[in-house]
Amino acid sequence: MAYPRMFRVMWAGQSISNLGDTLYLLAIVTMVYQLTGSAMFASLVPLARVVGQLICGVAAPLVMDRFQLTLLIKLSQLLQVVLFAFLIVVCRGMVESDIPTVLVLIAMLSFTDGITTPVRNALIPQYVGRGELLRANGLMSTTDQIVMMSGWAAGGVIVAWLGASTVMLGTLGIYAAALFLTLQLREPSTPKAAITAAVQAEGGMQTHDEKSLLPEGETHIGKEKGSAWESVKEGWQNIWRNPVLRLLIFIDAIEGTVGAAWIGAMLLVYATEQLGSGTEWYGFINGGYFAGCIVGGLLVVTFTRRLSRFPALSIVVGAGIMGLLTLVFAWITAPALALLIVILMGPPQQLREVTRRTVFQKACPPEQLPKVMSAENTLVYSLFGLSVVLLSWMADRWGVEVVYTMTGVFYLITALLVGINRKKIQAAALDGQNVKPVSPS
């Protein structure tokens, strides 16, 4: 089955934009490090990005409640092009006193980019239909991994060859291409609108099917737009009322606590201290992990129909294998074996992540998905920041092997939780299986 045109356009635009993100971050980190010689200053670049995304996660429901999703993603891409042009001007001839301005611009760029993830995840079910969600999410995830691996692997060579300033100019062209594709997106006719029309045609009577799309405690369609605070908290209320979403968010919180275990700084410590190897093995392990994720994503896309029948089992198997491999990874000292393990981690990581995201999208009524995804992103970004501090402190105090041991145990806990609630997850995933895609208006 071919993917609908609007999905293909969004997929291409977002993939190109993500490549631009990777290249410009690599270029800025290189420029700041060469200018200051400080790893701490260089680490402020990704931190500024996380801060911008976190603030956007809090503010996103305010605008997602009032504007079309495609309008938001178009405006986001346009603002990225404009802000990035300013960033290029500031970075030309940059001195140390310019670093705060650069960090502010990066945070602003990340703020405008932060809304694209919840918008993208909300549009996917509407463009492809819930029956094809697993395959579509698998394609998105695989492409994300390919872009990141290519960007980080080739980006370092390109920056060294052409220079950071030239790479920044090329990245502006990449963002412009992403904007061109994004401007072609059309707003789908939302299932909520179709339901409302059907209710009006029946004289305002609410059907059983209509009620089934609403969370626990919600008995009518449509709400008056309330205050800003009401818009922000609505996503969290929808999560709390829906038992499956509540469970998945709790699992996100558990895994988010150890999410920083796979950042570059932690893997660098692992390669040099645990393995006793040079920094080149940090690059090998990082690349091996991305390569495994690409293979895993391709397997998910290939076996979509089989996996979609057993979503709970897929998450349990993926999280369980990931937990066991992480426990082994925590205590080995052979570099080649560590590389093999991170490659093997890729398929179970993609299996659990893509399947869980698909269940999340199916369990949430379509009209609530943007705010719910925004609330989830806020939680993820917040926990990531806390995780960086917590795991860095643990690595300094007790060693990096303790960090990865705790990470493996947490993965096993999530596998156990999903196993206990497998019937609930299975029912939520299959209930959303037959919702058809909606055509662009």
Protein backbone atom coordinates (compact mmCIF):
# COMPACT_ATOMS: atom_id res chain seq x y z
CA MET A 1 0.00 0.00 0.00
CA ALA A 2 1.35 3.44 -0.99
CA TYR A 3 1.34 6.14 1.64
CA PRO A 4 -1.06 9.09 1.06
CA ARG A 5 0.55 12.09 -0.63
CA MET A 6 0.17 14.44 2.35
CA PHE A 7 1.94 11.95 4.60
CA ARG A 8 4.79 11.61 2.09
CA VAL A 9 5.17 15.39 1.87
CA MET A 10 5.21 15.76 5.67
CA TRP A 11 7.66 12.85 6.03
CA ALA A 12 10.06 14.37 3.48
CA GLY A 13 9.82 17.88 4.92
CA GLN A 14 10.40 16.75 8.50
CA SER A 15 13.29 14.47 7.52
CA ILE A 16 15.06 17.30 5.70
CA SER A 17 14.43 19.66 8.61
CA ASN A 18 15.85 17.12 11.09
CA LEU A 19 19.00 16.85 8.96
CA GLY A 20 19.35 20.62 9.20
CA ASP A 21 18.98 20.44 13.00
CA THR A 22 21.76 17.86 13.26
CA LEU A 23 24.19 19.75 11.02
CA TYR A 24 23.73 23.17 12.59
CA LEU A 25 24.06 21.82 16.15
CA LEU A 26 27.27 20.04 15.20
CA ALA A 27 28.60 23.21 13.58
CA ILE A 28 27.70 25.43 16.56
CA VAL A 29 29.16 22.99 19.10
CA THR A 30 32.38 22.90 17.06
CA MET A 31 32.57 26.69 16.85
CA VAL A 32 31.93 27.19 20.57
CA TYR A 33 34.44 24.51 21.57
CA GLN A 34 37.14 25.91 19.26
CA LEU A 35 36.48 29.39 20.61
CA THR A 36 36.49 28.54 24.33
CA GLY A 37 38.28 25.18 24.59
CA SER A 38 35.66 24.30 27.21
CA ALA A 39 33.47 21.19 27.11
CA MET A 40 31.13 22.89 29.58
CA PHE A 41 30.49 25.81 27.22
CA ALA A 42 30.00 23.38 24.33
CA SER A 43 27.43 21.42 26.36
CA LEU A 44 25.38 24.61 26.78
CA VAL A 45 24.38 24.34 23.10
CA PRO A 46 22.26 21.16 23.43
CA LEU A 47 21.06 22.39 26.83
CA ALA A 48 19.73 25.60 25.24
CA ARG A 49 17.92 23.43 22.71
CA VAL A 50 16.25 21.36 25.44
CA VAL A 51 15.19 24.52 27.31
CA GLY A 52 13.53 25.92 24.18
CA GLN A 53 11.70 22.66 23.51
CA LEU A 54 10.54 22.43 27.12
CA ILE A 55 9.08 25.95 27.09
CA CYS A 56 7.36 25.19 23.80
CA GLY A 57 5.89 22.01 25.27
CA VAL A 58 4.21 24.08 27.98
CA ALA A 59 2.98 26.78 25.59
CA ALA A 60 1.98 24.54 22.65
CA PRO A 61 -1.57 23.73 23.85
CA LEU A 62 -2.39 27.45 23.89
CA VAL A 63 -1.94 27.72 20.13
CA MET A 64 -2.88 24.17 19.13
CA ASP A 65 -6.32 24.84 20.58
CA ARG A 66 -6.85 27.85 18.34
CA PHE A 67 -5.14 27.22 14.99
CA GLN A 68 -5.07 24.52 12.35
CA LEU A 69 -2.28 21.99 12.78
CA THR A 70 -0.90 22.47 9.28
CA LEU A 71 -0.82 26.25 9.78
CA LEU A 72 1.25 25.77 12.94
CA ILE A 73 3.79 23.47 11.29
CA LYS A 74 4.12 25.86 8.33
CA LEU A 75 4.61 28.87 10.60
CA SER A 76 7.12 26.91 12.68
CA GLN A 77 9.20 26.06 9.61
CA LEU A 78 9.06 29.66 8.34
CA LEU A 79 10.22 31.06 11.69
CA GLN A 80 13.08 28.55 11.76
CA VAL A 81 14.35 29.85 8.42
CA VAL A 82 14.16 33.48 9.60
CA LEU A 83 15.77 32.83 13.00
CA PHE A 84 18.47 30.66 11.49
CA ALA A 85 19.39 33.47 9.08
CA PHE A 86 19.89 35.73 12.13
CA LEU A 87 21.98 33.00 13.78
CA ILE A 88 24.28 32.84 10.74
CA VAL A 89 24.85 36.60 10.94
CA VAL A 90 25.70 36.41 14.66
CA CYS A 91 28.05 33.45 14.17
CA ARG A 92 30.14 35.18 11.50
CA GLY A 93 33.23 36.41 13.30
CA MET A 94 31.82 35.16 16.61
CA VAL A 95 33.72 35.99 19.80
CA GLU A 96 33.14 34.73 23.35
CA SER A 97 30.85 37.64 24.20
CA ASP A 98 28.50 36.51 21.39
CA ILE A 99 27.90 33.08 22.96
CA PRO A 100 24.93 34.17 25.15
CA THR A 101 23.22 35.64 22.06
CA VAL A 102 23.86 32.42 20.14
CA LEU A 103 22.37 30.35 22.97
CA VAL A 104 19.26 32.55 23.07
CA LEU A 105 18.79 32.16 19.31
CA ILE A 106 19.21 28.38 19.61
CA ALA A 107 16.58 28.30 22.36
CA MET A 108 14.25 30.37 20.14
CA LEU A 109 14.88 28.03 17.20
CA SER A 110 14.10 25.04 19.40
CA PHE A 111 10.98 26.77 20.69
CA THR A 112 9.64 27.17 17.15
CA ASP A 113 10.72 23.64 16.25
CA GLY A 114 9.29 22.12 19.45
CA ILE A 115 5.71 22.30 18.26
CA THR A 116 6.40 20.21 15.14
CA THR A 117 6.69 16.90 17.03
CA PRO A 118 3.22 16.94 18.67
CA VAL A 119 1.71 18.36 15.47
CA ARG A 120 3.41 15.70 13.34
CA ASN A 121 2.30 12.89 15.64
CA ALA A 122 -1.25 14.25 15.65
CA LEU A 123 -1.39 14.50 11.85
CA ILE A 124 -0.03 11.02 11.10
CA PRO A 125 -3.22 9.14 12.17
CA GLN A 126 -5.35 11.59 10.18
CA TYR A 127 -3.26 11.24 7.03
CA VAL A 128 -2.74 7.45 6.97
CA GLY A 129 -5.59 6.02 9.07
CA ARG A 130 -5.13 4.10 12.29
CA GLY A 131 -4.86 0.77 10.50
CA GLU A 132 -1.56 1.89 8.93
CA LEU A 133 -0.20 3.72 11.97
CA LEU A 134 2.43 1.14 12.93
CA ARG A 135 3.91 1.10 9.44
CA ALA A 136 3.86 4.90 9.15
CA ASN A 137 5.44 5.36 12.59
CA GLY A 138 8.05 2.76 11.70
CA LEU A 139 8.97 4.68 8.56
CA MET A 140 9.17 7.97 10.48
CA SER A 141 11.32 6.44 13.21
CA THR A 142 13.65 4.67 10.78
CA THR A 143 14.13 7.85 8.78
CA ASP A 144 14.85 9.82 11.96
CA GLN A 145 17.58 7.32 12.89
CA ILE A 146 19.09 7.39 9.39
CA VAL A 147 19.13 11.19 9.41
CA MET A 148 20.76 11.34 12.85
CA MET A 149 23.37 8.71 12.02
CA SER A 150 24.18 10.33 8.68
CA GLY A 151 24.21 13.82 10.14
CA TRP A 152 26.47 13.05 13.08
CA ALA A 153 28.75 10.69 11.13
CA ALA A 154 29.15 12.72 7.94
CA GLY A 155 28.62 16.09 9.61
CA GLY A 156 31.89 15.94 11.50
CA VAL A 157 33.79 15.25 8.28
CA ILE A 158 31.93 18.00 6.42
CA VAL A 159 32.57 20.57 9.17
CA ALA A 160 36.27 19.67 9.23
CA TRP A 161 36.47 19.86 5.43
CA LEU A 162 34.37 22.94 4.63
CA GLY A 163 34.34 24.75 7.96
CA ALA A 164 31.48 25.45 10.34
CA SER A 165 30.44 28.72 8.66
CA THR A 166 30.03 27.06 5.25
CA VAL A 167 28.02 24.23 6.80
CA MET A 168 25.74 26.82 8.42
CA LEU A 169 25.04 28.41 5.01
CA GLY A 170 24.28 25.00 3.55
CA THR A 171 21.94 24.29 6.45
CA LEU A 172 19.98 27.45 5.62
CA GLY A 173 19.36 25.94 2.18
CA ILE A 174 18.22 22.69 3.82
CA TYR A 175 15.73 24.57 5.99
CA ALA A 176 14.45 26.44 2.93
CA ALA A 177 13.84 23.11 1.14
CA ALA A 178 11.97 21.81 4.19
CA LEU A 179 9.84 24.97 4.20
CA PHE A 180 8.99 24.49 0.52
CA LEU A 181 7.68 20.98 1.20
CA THR A 182 5.87 21.93 4.41
CA LEU A 183 3.96 24.73 2.67
CA GLN A 184 2.31 22.07 0.48
CA LEU A 185 0.57 20.40 3.44
CA ARG A 186 -3.22 20.57 3.58
CA GLU A 187 -5.38 20.34 6.68
CA PRO A 188 -7.28 17.03 6.95
CA SER A 189 -10.98 17.01 7.72
CA THR A 190 -10.85 16.00 11.37
CA PRO A 191 -12.83 13.04 12.64
CA LYS A 192 -14.22 15.37 15.31
CA ALA A 193 -15.77 17.58 12.65
CA ALA A 194 -17.29 14.60 10.91
CA ILE A 195 -18.76 13.32 14.17
CA THR A 196 -20.18 16.72 15.04
CA ALA A 197 -21.83 16.97 11.62
CA ALA A 198 -23.35 13.52 12.07
CA VAL A 199 -24.68 14.47 15.49
CA GLN A 200 -26.28 17.62 14.11
CA ALA A 201 -27.83 15.62 11.27
CA GLU A 202 -29.41 13.31 13.85
CA GLY A 203 -30.91 16.22 15.74
CA GLY A 204 -28.18 16.45 18.33
CA MET A 205 -28.43 12.84 19.57
CA GLN A 206 -25.10 11.38 20.64
CA THR A 207 -24.34 7.90 19.33
CA HIS A 208 -22.54 5.05 21.05
CA ASP A 209 -19.67 5.28 18.52
CA GLU A 210 -19.28 8.97 19.26
CA LYS A 211 -19.04 8.33 23.00
CA SER A 212 -16.44 5.63 22.42
CA LEU A 213 -14.06 8.25 21.07
CA LEU A 214 -14.17 10.24 24.30
CA PRO A 215 -12.13 9.59 27.45
CA GLU A 216 -13.61 8.44 30.72
CA GLY A 217 -15.86 11.10 32.18
CA GLU A 218 -16.33 13.01 28.89
CA THR A 219 -19.92 12.85 27.66
CA HIS A 220 -20.22 15.54 25.02
CA ILE A 221 -18.39 16.83 21.98
CA GLY A 222 -16.98 20.30 21.85
CA LYS A 223 -16.05 22.69 24.59
CA GLU A 224 -15.95 26.40 24.93
CA LYS A 225 -12.39 27.62 24.69
CA GLY A 226 -11.41 28.55 28.19
CA SER A 227 -8.50 30.35 29.73
CA ALA A 228 -4.87 29.77 28.84
CA TRP A 229 -4.49 27.60 31.92
CA GLU A 230 -7.48 25.50 30.84
CA SER A 231 -5.83 24.88 27.47
CA VAL A 232 -2.55 23.83 29.09
CA LYS A 233 -4.10 21.46 31.61
CA GLU A 234 -6.60 19.91 29.19
CA GLY A 235 -3.98 17.56 27.73
CA TRP A 236 -3.07 16.33 31.21
CA GLN A 237 -6.73 15.89 32.14
CA ASN A 238 -7.31 13.79 29.03
CA ILE A 239 -4.34 11.62 29.96
CA TRP A 240 -5.55 11.18 33.53
CA ARG A 241 -9.07 10.18 32.44
CA ASN A 242 -7.83 7.59 29.95
CA PRO A 243 -6.39 4.53 31.76
CA VAL A 244 -4.25 3.40 28.81
CA LEU A 245 -2.74 6.85 28.25
CA ARG A 246 -2.16 7.12 31.99
CA LEU A 247 -0.24 3.83 31.97
CA LEU A 248 1.85 4.79 28.92
CA ILE A 249 2.73 8.17 30.44
CA PHE A 250 3.78 6.42 33.67
CA ILE A 251 6.05 4.17 31.60
CA ASP A 252 7.43 7.26 29.85
CA ALA A 253 8.21 8.72 33.27
CA ILE A 254 10.07 5.58 34.37
CA GLU A 255 12.16 5.40 31.21
CA GLY A 256 12.61 9.18 31.08
CA THR A 257 14.35 9.04 34.46
CA VAL A 258 17.19 7.09 32.81
CA GLY A 259 16.87 8.63 29.35
CA ALA A 260 20.22 10.42 29.59
CA ALA A 261 22.06 7.09 29.76
CA TRP A 262 22.44 7.21 25.98
CA ILE A 263 23.63 10.79 25.53
CA GLY A 264 27.06 11.31 24.01
CA ALA A 265 28.70 12.45 27.24
CA MET A 266 27.66 9.28 29.10
CA LEU A 267 28.76 6.99 26.27
CA LEU A 268 32.08 8.83 26.15
CA VAL A 269 32.61 8.10 29.86
CA TYR A 270 31.61 4.46 29.25
CA ALA A 271 34.06 4.07 26.36
CA THR A 272 37.02 5.64 28.16
CA GLU A 273 36.47 4.43 31.74
CA GLN A 274 34.47 1.20 31.51
CA LEU A 275 36.07 -0.12 28.31
CA GLY A 276 39.43 1.59 28.84
CA SER A 277 39.49 2.52 25.14
CA GLY A 278 40.13 5.64 23.14
CA THR A 279 37.48 8.15 22.13
CA GLU A 280 37.19 6.47 18.73
CA TRP A 281 35.19 3.68 20.38
CA TYR A 282 32.69 6.27 21.55
CA GLY A 283 32.06 7.03 17.88
CA PHE A 284 31.84 3.33 16.99
CA ILE A 285 29.32 2.63 19.77
CA ASN A 286 27.23 5.67 18.91
CA GLY A 287 27.16 4.73 15.23
CA GLY A 288 26.47 1.08 16.05
CA TYR A 289 23.43 2.04 18.11
CA PHE A 290 21.98 4.13 15.28
CA ALA A 291 22.71 1.33 12.78
CA GLY A 292 20.84 -1.15 14.96
CA CYS A 293 17.89 1.24 15.26
CA ILE A 294 17.74 1.57 11.47
CA VAL A 295 17.63 -2.21 11.07
CA GLY A 296 14.98 -2.39 13.80
CA GLY A 297 12.85 0.25 12.12
CA LEU A 298 13.02 -1.57 8.79
CA LEU A 299 11.97 -4.81 10.48
CA VAL A 300 8.99 -3.07 12.09
CA VAL A 301 7.91 -1.71 8.70
CA THR A 302 8.37 -5.12 7.06
CA PHE A 303 6.38 -7.08 9.65
CA THR A 304 3.75 -4.44 10.37
CA ARG A 305 0.72 -6.68 9.93
CA ARG A 306 2.00 -9.38 12.28
CA LEU A 307 3.18 -6.94 14.93
CA SER A 308 -0.06 -4.94 14.84
CA ARG A 309 -1.96 -8.01 16.04
CA PHE A 310 0.07 -8.22 19.26
CA PRO A 311 0.99 -4.67 20.35
CA ALA A 312 1.29 -5.45 24.07
CA LEU A 313 3.51 -8.47 23.41
CA SER A 314 5.69 -6.38 21.08
CA ILE A 315 6.28 -3.79 23.80
CA VAL A 316 6.98 -6.44 26.45
CA VAL A 317 9.46 -8.30 24.25
CA GLY A 318 11.17 -5.10 23.11
CA ALA A 319 11.51 -3.62 26.61
CA GLY A 320 12.49 -6.98 28.12
CA ILE A 321 15.28 -7.66 25.62
CA MET A 322 16.45 -4.05 25.86
CA GLY A 323 16.64 -4.37 29.65
CA LEU A 324 18.63 -7.61 29.57
CA LEU A 325 21.07 -6.31 26.95
CA THR A 326 21.58 -3.10 28.94
CA LEU A 327 22.42 -5.10 32.07
CA VAL A 328 25.07 -7.02 30.12
CA PHE A 329 26.32 -3.78 28.55
CA ALA A 330 26.76 -2.27 32.02
CA TRP A 331 29.42 -4.71 33.17
CA ILE A 332 31.42 -5.87 30.14
CA THR A 333 34.87 -4.47 29.38
CA ALA A 334 35.49 -5.79 25.85
CA PRO A 335 34.98 -3.00 23.26
CA ALA A 336 34.01 -5.35 20.41
CA LEU A 337 31.38 -7.07 22.57
CA ALA A 338 29.99 -3.70 23.69
CA LEU A 339 29.67 -2.65 20.04
CA LEU A 340 27.86 -5.90 19.19
CA ILE A 341 25.42 -5.40 22.07
CA VAL A 342 24.47 -1.83 21.10
CA ILE A 343 23.83 -3.02 17.54
CA LEU A 344 21.58 -5.78 18.92
CA MET A 345 19.77 -3.18 21.05
CA GLY A 346 18.47 -1.40 17.95
CA PRO A 347 15.67 -3.80 16.89
CA PRO A 348 14.09 -4.23 20.37
CA GLN A 349 14.42 -0.49 20.99
CA GLN A 350 12.52 0.30 17.79
CA LEU A 351 10.00 -2.49 18.41
CA ARG A 352 8.97 -1.13 21.81
CA GLU A 353 9.22 2.56 20.90
CA VAL A 354 7.29 2.47 17.61
CA THR A 355 4.63 0.10 18.95
CA ARG A 356 4.15 2.15 22.11
CA ARG A 357 3.79 5.37 20.13
CA THR A 358 1.24 3.67 17.87
CA VAL A 359 -0.80 2.42 20.84
CA PHE A 360 -0.66 5.93 22.32
CA GLN A 361 -2.06 7.44 19.11
CA LYS A 362 -4.79 4.81 18.83
CA ALA A 363 -5.84 5.07 22.48
CA CYS A 364 -6.32 8.82 22.24
CA PRO A 365 -9.39 10.33 20.53
CA PRO A 366 -8.22 12.21 17.39
CA GLU A 367 -9.49 15.63 18.49
CA GLN A 368 -7.52 15.38 21.75
CA LEU A 369 -4.28 14.08 20.25
CA PRO A 370 -2.46 17.43 19.71
CA LYS A 371 -2.80 18.54 23.34
CA VAL A 372 -2.08 15.07 24.70
CA MET A 373 1.06 14.73 22.57
CA SER A 374 2.14 18.20 23.69
CA ALA A 375 1.71 17.21 27.34
CA GLU A 376 3.74 14.06 26.74
CA ASN A 377 6.54 16.06 25.08
CA THR A 378 6.65 18.43 28.06
CA LEU A 379 7.10 15.47 30.39
CA VAL A 380 9.81 13.92 28.18
CA TYR A 381 11.85 17.14 27.93
CA SER A 382 11.52 17.84 31.67
CA LEU A 383 12.61 14.34 32.64
CA PHE A 384 15.50 14.44 30.18
CA GLY A 385 16.91 17.54 31.86
CA LEU A 386 16.56 15.95 35.30
CA SER A 387 18.02 12.69 33.99
CA VAL A 388 21.17 14.43 32.75
CA VAL A 389 21.82 15.84 36.23
CA LEU A 390 20.91 12.64 38.10
CA LEU A 391 22.86 10.18 35.95
CA SER A 392 25.91 12.45 35.69
CA TRP A 393 26.02 12.66 39.48
CA MET A 394 25.61 8.87 39.78
CA ALA A 395 28.38 8.23 37.25
CA ASP A 396 30.77 10.50 39.14
CA ARG A 397 29.88 9.02 42.53
CA TRP A 398 29.47 5.29 41.83
CA GLY A 399 30.67 4.72 38.28
CA VAL A 400 29.00 4.49 34.88
CA GLU A 401 28.28 0.77 35.33
CA VAL A 402 25.75 1.64 38.06
CA VAL A 403 24.01 4.03 35.67
CA TYR A 404 23.51 1.35 33.02
CA THR A 405 22.52 -1.25 35.61
CA MET A 406 19.73 1.02 36.84
CA THR A 407 18.74 1.73 33.24
CA GLY A 408 18.41 -1.98 32.48
CA VAL A 409 16.34 -2.59 35.62
CA PHE A 410 13.99 0.28 34.72
CA TYR A 411 13.44 -1.20 31.24
CA LEU A 412 12.52 -4.54 32.83
CA ILE A 413 10.07 -2.79 35.17
CA THR A 414 8.29 -1.22 32.19
CA ALA A 415 8.12 -4.62 30.48
CA LEU A 416 6.52 -6.05 33.63
CA LEU A 417 3.97 -3.21 33.82
CA VAL A 418 2.94 -3.69 30.19
CA GLY A 419 2.70 -7.46 30.71
CA ILE A 420 0.38 -6.98 33.69
CA ASN A 421 -1.83 -4.58 31.69
CA ARG A 422 -1.53 -6.37 28.33
CA LYS A 423 -5.30 -6.92 27.88
CA LYS A 424 -6.03 -3.23 28.40
CA ILE A 425 -3.34 -2.19 25.90
CA GLN A 426 -4.41 -4.82 23.38
CA ALA A 427 -8.02 -3.65 23.51
CA ALA A 428 -7.09 0.02 23.12
CA ALA A 429 -4.88 -0.70 20.10
CA LEU A 430 -7.41 -2.90 18.32
CA ASP A 431 -10.34 -0.52 19.00
CA GLY A 432 -8.59 2.16 16.94
CA GLN A 433 -7.56 -0.21 14.16
CA ASN A 434 -10.44 0.47 11.78
CA VAL A 435 -10.54 4.26 11.87
CA LYS A 436 -10.10 5.42 8.26
CA PRO A 437 -7.79 8.19 7.07
CA VAL A 438 -9.40 11.54 6.39
CA SER A 439 -8.95 13.49 3.20
CA PRO A 440 -7.36 16.95 3.16
CA SER A 441 -9.87 19.75 3.11
